[in-house]
Amino acid sequence: MIPKILLADDCKADGHLLEVAFVDAGHAVMIDQVFDGSHALARLRLAATVVPFPYALVVLDLNMPLLTGTELLTVLRESPAMSAVPIVILTSSDSPADRDAAMAHNPDAYFIKPMNYAGLTTLVRDLMPFINTPRDKRPLTSKVRQEPFNRRVSPGPPATVKGEVESGI
């Protein structure tokens, strides 16, 4: 079965680039992207009613409309149904205050969005151990990649944007 990742990020291009990086790294995944924290929460609440749980990984941006990544992480970590789900932060914010606020709610990892395609493929390698790995066997990390974010990506495929991925959970 192909692992399914829920990506909560208000930038459609970031989701597409992440998907391309997984494919280029030889990993078949399905990325289900939602564009704000409120829709992510609704999608995850619906997913919690499905057995087996459909998402192998949840990736949250911090700066989203309606419900921020930190607010969403707080809700998810308080939910027993979400206790086994790996949740990582992937954000453009390198603010120590943002990082500390997110880390207070125990994400499995905190990554700053890479500034180039090589960094994105490294990120994919760093994310793979979280996919379909039981919580007690996951890497113990609070990895913070201190790279500034830059949407220019090179080398790599052109940054074309596909339509939103809609799934039938």
C-alpha atoms as a PDB file:
ATOM      1  CA  MET A   1       0.000   0.000   0.000  1.00  0.00           C
ATOM      2  CA  ILE A   2       1.293   3.466  -0.873  1.00  0.00           C
ATOM      3  CA  PRO A   3       1.786   5.618   2.265  1.00  0.00           C
ATOM      4  CA  LYS A   4      -0.478   8.635   2.486  1.00  0.00           C
ATOM      5  CA  ILE A   5       0.766  11.949   3.891  1.00  0.00           C
ATOM      6  CA  LEU A   6      -1.515  14.741   5.042  1.00  0.00           C
ATOM      7  CA  LEU A   7       0.204  18.041   4.267  1.00  0.00           C
ATOM      8  CA  ALA A   8      -1.345  21.113   5.868  1.00  0.00           C
ATOM      9  CA  ASP A   9       0.283  24.029   4.055  1.00  0.00           C
ATOM     10  CA  ASP A  10      -1.362  27.059   2.497  1.00  0.00           C
ATOM     11  CA  CYS A  11       1.124  27.099  -0.402  1.00  0.00           C
ATOM     12  CA  LYS A  12       0.066  24.772  -3.216  1.00  0.00           C
ATOM     13  CA  ALA A  13       3.520  24.942  -4.835  1.00  0.00           C
ATOM     14  CA  ASP A  14       5.203  23.647  -1.661  1.00  0.00           C
ATOM     15  CA  GLY A  15       3.003  20.558  -1.740  1.00  0.00           C
ATOM     16  CA  HIS A  16       3.774  19.927  -5.378  1.00  0.00           C
ATOM     17  CA  LEU A  17       7.528  20.311  -4.860  1.00  0.00           C
ATOM     18  CA  LEU A  18       7.450  17.949  -1.894  1.00  0.00           C
ATOM     19  CA  GLU A  19       5.585  15.377  -3.964  1.00  0.00           C
ATOM     20  CA  VAL A  20       8.124  15.686  -6.802  1.00  0.00           C
ATOM     21  CA  ALA A  21      11.010  15.291  -4.330  1.00  0.00           C
ATOM     22  CA  PHE A  22       9.511  12.058  -2.948  1.00  0.00           C
ATOM     23  CA  VAL A  23       9.130  10.676  -6.481  1.00  0.00           C
ATOM     24  CA  ASP A  24      12.654  11.733  -7.459  1.00  0.00           C
ATOM     25  CA  ALA A  25      13.999  10.018  -4.331  1.00  0.00           C
ATOM     26  CA  GLY A  26      12.258   6.802  -5.403  1.00  0.00           C
ATOM     27  CA  HIS A  27       9.518   6.846  -2.766  1.00  0.00           C
ATOM     28  CA  ALA A  28       5.922   6.290  -3.785  1.00  0.00           C
ATOM     29  CA  VAL A  29       3.681   8.384  -1.533  1.00  0.00           C
ATOM     30  CA  MET A  30       0.348  10.096  -1.913  1.00  0.00           C
ATOM     31  CA  ILE A  31       0.230  13.648  -0.637  1.00  0.00           C
ATOM     32  CA  ASP A  32      -3.200  14.861   0.424  1.00  0.00           C
ATOM     33  CA  GLN A  33      -2.842  18.634   0.803  1.00  0.00           C
ATOM     34  CA  VAL A  34      -5.188  20.941   2.667  1.00  0.00           C
ATOM     35  CA  PHE A  35      -4.606  24.676   2.735  1.00  0.00           C
ATOM     36  CA  ASP A  36      -5.502  25.686   6.279  1.00  0.00           C
ATOM     37  CA  GLY A  37      -5.445  24.234   9.774  1.00  0.00           C
ATOM     38  CA  SER A  38      -9.216  24.055  10.110  1.00  0.00           C
ATOM     39  CA  HIS A  39      -9.574  21.800   7.062  1.00  0.00           C
ATOM     40  CA  ALA A  40      -6.650  19.693   8.278  1.00  0.00           C
ATOM     41  CA  LEU A  41      -8.401  19.155  11.612  1.00  0.00           C
ATOM     42  CA  ALA A  42     -11.661  18.206   9.867  1.00  0.00           C
ATOM     43  CA  ARG A  43      -9.807  15.792   7.558  1.00  0.00           C
ATOM     44  CA  LEU A  44      -7.998  14.187  10.511  1.00  0.00           C
ATOM     45  CA  ARG A  45     -11.184  13.851  12.570  1.00  0.00           C
ATOM     46  CA  LEU A  46     -12.812  12.061   9.653  1.00  0.00           C
ATOM     47  CA  ALA A  47      -9.706   9.911   9.156  1.00  0.00           C
ATOM     48  CA  ALA A  48      -9.811   8.877  12.825  1.00  0.00           C
ATOM     49  CA  THR A  49     -13.078   7.042  12.085  1.00  0.00           C
ATOM     50  CA  VAL A  50     -11.399   4.844   9.437  1.00  0.00           C
ATOM     51  CA  VAL A  51      -9.600   1.598  10.279  1.00  0.00           C
ATOM     52  CA  PRO A  52      -6.771   1.415   9.577  1.00  0.00           C
ATOM     53  CA  PHE A  53      -5.953   5.107   9.976  1.00  0.00           C
ATOM     54  CA  PRO A  54      -5.232   6.321   6.445  1.00  0.00           C
ATOM     55  CA  TYR A  55      -2.293   8.677   7.077  1.00  0.00           C
ATOM     56  CA  ALA A  56       1.257   7.469   7.622  1.00  0.00           C
ATOM     57  CA  LEU A  57       2.488  11.008   8.387  1.00  0.00           C
ATOM     58  CA  VAL A  58       1.073  14.461   9.104  1.00  0.00           C
ATOM     59  CA  VAL A  59       3.159  17.461   8.020  1.00  0.00           C
ATOM     60  CA  LEU A  60       2.159  20.888   9.331  1.00  0.00           C
ATOM     61  CA  ASP A  61       3.169  24.376   8.293  1.00  0.00           C
ATOM     62  CA  LEU A  62       3.013  26.850  11.191  1.00  0.00           C
ATOM     63  CA  ASN A  63       1.697  29.888   9.328  1.00  0.00           C
ATOM     64  CA  MET A  64      -1.710  28.898   7.997  1.00  0.00           C
ATOM     65  CA  PRO A  65      -5.078  30.652   7.965  1.00  0.00           C
ATOM     66  CA  LEU A  66      -8.000  29.766  10.262  1.00  0.00           C
ATOM     67  CA  LEU A  67      -5.965  27.535  12.592  1.00  0.00           C
ATOM     68  CA  THR A  68      -2.181  27.785  12.826  1.00  0.00           C
ATOM     69  CA  GLY A  69       0.082  24.781  12.801  1.00  0.00           C
ATOM     70  CA  THR A  70       0.869  25.245  16.495  1.00  0.00           C
ATOM     71  CA  GLU A  71      -2.835  25.453  17.368  1.00  0.00           C
ATOM     72  CA  LEU A  72      -3.527  22.350  15.302  1.00  0.00           C
ATOM     73  CA  LEU A  73      -0.596  20.490  16.850  1.00  0.00           C
ATOM     74  CA  THR A  74      -1.945  21.340  20.311  1.00  0.00           C
ATOM     75  CA  VAL A  75      -5.344  19.835  19.475  1.00  0.00           C
ATOM     76  CA  LEU A  76      -3.821  16.755  17.835  1.00  0.00           C
ATOM     77  CA  ARG A  77      -1.458  15.988  20.710  1.00  0.00           C
ATOM     78  CA  GLU A  78      -4.372  16.167  23.172  1.00  0.00           C
ATOM     79  CA  SER A  79      -6.284  13.549  21.175  1.00  0.00           C
ATOM     80  CA  PRO A  80      -5.771   9.887  22.123  1.00  0.00           C
ATOM     81  CA  ALA A  81      -6.793   8.917  18.573  1.00  0.00           C
ATOM     82  CA  MET A  82      -3.809  10.843  17.203  1.00  0.00           C
ATOM     83  CA  SER A  83      -1.210   9.699  19.745  1.00  0.00           C
ATOM     84  CA  ALA A  84       0.435   7.167  17.430  1.00  0.00           C
ATOM     85  CA  VAL A  85       0.460   9.376  14.328  1.00  0.00           C
ATOM     86  CA  PRO A  86       3.798  10.959  13.446  1.00  0.00           C
ATOM     87  CA  ILE A  87       3.443  14.734  13.199  1.00  0.00           C
ATOM     88  CA  VAL A  88       6.253  16.923  11.922  1.00  0.00           C
ATOM     89  CA  ILE A  89       6.480  20.667  11.453  1.00  0.00           C
ATOM     90  CA  LEU A  90       7.714  21.967   8.090  1.00  0.00           C
ATOM     91  CA  THR A  91       7.782  25.737   8.117  1.00  0.00           C
ATOM     92  CA  SER A  92       9.463  28.770   6.667  1.00  0.00           C
ATOM     93  CA  SER A  93       9.710  30.295  10.134  1.00  0.00           C
ATOM     94  CA  ASP A  94      13.129  30.291  11.715  1.00  0.00           C
ATOM     95  CA  SER A  95      11.835  32.322  14.654  1.00  0.00           C
ATOM     96  CA  PRO A  96      12.982  30.883  17.998  1.00  0.00           C
ATOM     97  CA  ALA A  97       9.596  31.841  19.478  1.00  0.00           C
ATOM     98  CA  ASP A  98       7.721  29.863  16.802  1.00  0.00           C
ATOM     99  CA  ARG A  99      10.063  26.892  17.211  1.00  0.00           C
ATOM    100  CA  ASP A 100       9.758  26.900  21.010  1.00  0.00           C
ATOM    101  CA  ALA A 101       5.957  27.217  20.876  1.00  0.00           C
ATOM    102  CA  ALA A 102       5.711  24.271  18.478  1.00  0.00           C
ATOM    103  CA  MET A 103       8.259  22.123  20.331  1.00  0.00           C
ATOM    104  CA  ALA A 104       6.277  22.601  23.565  1.00  0.00           C
ATOM    105  CA  HIS A 105       3.574  20.412  21.980  1.00  0.00           C
ATOM    106  CA  ASN A 106       5.900  17.530  21.067  1.00  0.00           C
ATOM    107  CA  PRO A 107       6.033  17.264  17.304  1.00  0.00           C
ATOM    108  CA  ASP A 108       8.135  14.354  16.140  1.00  0.00           C
ATOM    109  CA  ALA A 109      10.427  16.809  14.351  1.00  0.00           C
ATOM    110  CA  TYR A 110      10.697  20.448  13.334  1.00  0.00           C
ATOM    111  CA  PHE A 111      12.127  21.294   9.917  1.00  0.00           C
ATOM    112  CA  ILE A 112      12.694  24.641   8.264  1.00  0.00           C
ATOM    113  CA  LYS A 113      11.747  24.550   4.592  1.00  0.00           C
ATOM    114  CA  PRO A 114      14.866  24.115   2.484  1.00  0.00           C
ATOM    115  CA  MET A 115      16.041  26.812   0.126  1.00  0.00           C
ATOM    116  CA  ASN A 116      16.875  24.558  -2.826  1.00  0.00           C
ATOM    117  CA  TYR A 117      15.931  21.269  -4.399  1.00  0.00           C
ATOM    118  CA  ALA A 118      18.932  19.430  -2.946  1.00  0.00           C
ATOM    119  CA  GLY A 119      17.725  20.461   0.509  1.00  0.00           C
ATOM    120  CA  LEU A 120      14.263  19.203  -0.354  1.00  0.00           C
ATOM    121  CA  THR A 121      15.591  15.769  -1.282  1.00  0.00           C
ATOM    122  CA  THR A 122      17.518  15.707   2.021  1.00  0.00           C
ATOM    123  CA  LEU A 123      14.274  16.581   3.779  1.00  0.00           C
ATOM    124  CA  VAL A 124      12.540  13.636   2.088  1.00  0.00           C
ATOM    125  CA  ARG A 125      15.304  11.338   3.359  1.00  0.00           C
ATOM    126  CA  ASP A 126      14.794  12.772   6.864  1.00  0.00           C
ATOM    127  CA  LEU A 127      11.006  12.278   6.689  1.00  0.00           C
ATOM    128  CA  MET A 128      11.069   8.648   5.540  1.00  0.00           C
ATOM    129  CA  PRO A 129      11.828   7.144   8.997  1.00  0.00           C
ATOM    130  CA  PHE A 130       8.593   8.681  10.303  1.00  0.00           C
ATOM    131  CA  ILE A 131       6.375   7.008   7.714  1.00  0.00           C
ATOM    132  CA  ASN A 132       4.647   3.867   9.017  1.00  0.00           C
ATOM    133  CA  THR A 133       7.037   3.571  11.953  1.00  0.00           C
ATOM    134  CA  PRO A 134       5.544   2.971  15.411  1.00  0.00           C
ATOM    135  CA  ARG A 135       6.061   5.940  17.742  1.00  0.00           C
ATOM    136  CA  ASP A 136       8.360   4.001  20.084  1.00  0.00           C
ATOM    137  CA  LYS A 137      10.614   3.070  17.138  1.00  0.00           C
ATOM    138  CA  ARG A 138      10.787   6.507  15.475  1.00  0.00           C
ATOM    139  CA  PRO A 139      13.956   8.544  15.481  1.00  0.00           C
ATOM    140  CA  LEU A 140      14.292  10.609  18.628  1.00  0.00           C
ATOM    141  CA  THR A 141      14.719  13.999  17.092  1.00  0.00           C
ATOM    142  CA  SER A 142      13.850  17.582  17.474  1.00  0.00           C
ATOM    143  CA  LYS A 143      15.872  18.290  14.381  1.00  0.00           C
ATOM    144  CA  VAL A 144      15.799  21.911  13.378  1.00  0.00           C
ATOM    145  CA  ARG A 145      17.233  22.688   9.974  1.00  0.00           C
ATOM    146  CA  GLN A 146      18.460  26.280  10.081  1.00  0.00           C
ATOM    147  CA  GLU A 147      18.196  27.158   6.407  1.00  0.00           C
ATOM    148  CA  PRO A 148      16.361  30.259   5.250  1.00  0.00           C
ATOM    149  CA  PHE A 149      13.402  29.532   3.031  1.00  0.00           C
ATOM    150  CA  ASN A 150      13.458  30.539  -0.596  1.00  0.00           C
ATOM    151  CA  ARG A 151      10.839  29.423  -3.086  1.00  0.00           C
ATOM    152  CA  ARG A 152      13.336  29.374  -5.956  1.00  0.00           C
ATOM    153  CA  VAL A 153      14.194  25.773  -6.611  1.00  0.00           C
ATOM    154  CA  SER A 154      17.103  24.570  -8.686  1.00  0.00           C
ATOM    155  CA  PRO A 155      18.131  22.257 -10.150  1.00  0.00           C
ATOM    156  CA  GLY A 156      15.142  20.054 -10.603  1.00  0.00           C
ATOM    157  CA  PRO A 157      11.870  19.857 -12.381  1.00  0.00           C
ATOM    158  CA  PRO A 158      10.039  23.061 -13.237  1.00  0.00           C
ATOM    159  CA  ALA A 159       7.887  24.386 -10.435  1.00  0.00           C
ATOM    160  CA  THR A 160       4.521  23.816 -12.067  1.00  0.00           C
ATOM    161  CA  VAL A 161       1.518  23.568  -9.819  1.00  0.00           C
ATOM    162  CA  LYS A 162      -0.983  20.738 -10.051  1.00  0.00           C
ATOM    163  CA  GLY A 163      -4.514  20.983  -8.744  1.00  0.00           C
ATOM    164  CA  GLU A 164      -5.391  20.253  -5.132  1.00  0.00           C
ATOM    165  CA  VAL A 165      -5.333  16.597  -4.239  1.00  0.00           C
ATOM    166  CA  GLU A 166      -8.762  15.484  -3.087  1.00  0.00           C
ATOM    167  CA  SER A 167      -9.045  12.086  -1.500  1.00  0.00           C
ATOM    168  CA  GLY A 168     -11.993   9.943  -0.672  1.00  0.00           C
ATOM    169  CA  ILE A 169     -11.135   9.026   2.902  1.00  0.00           C
END
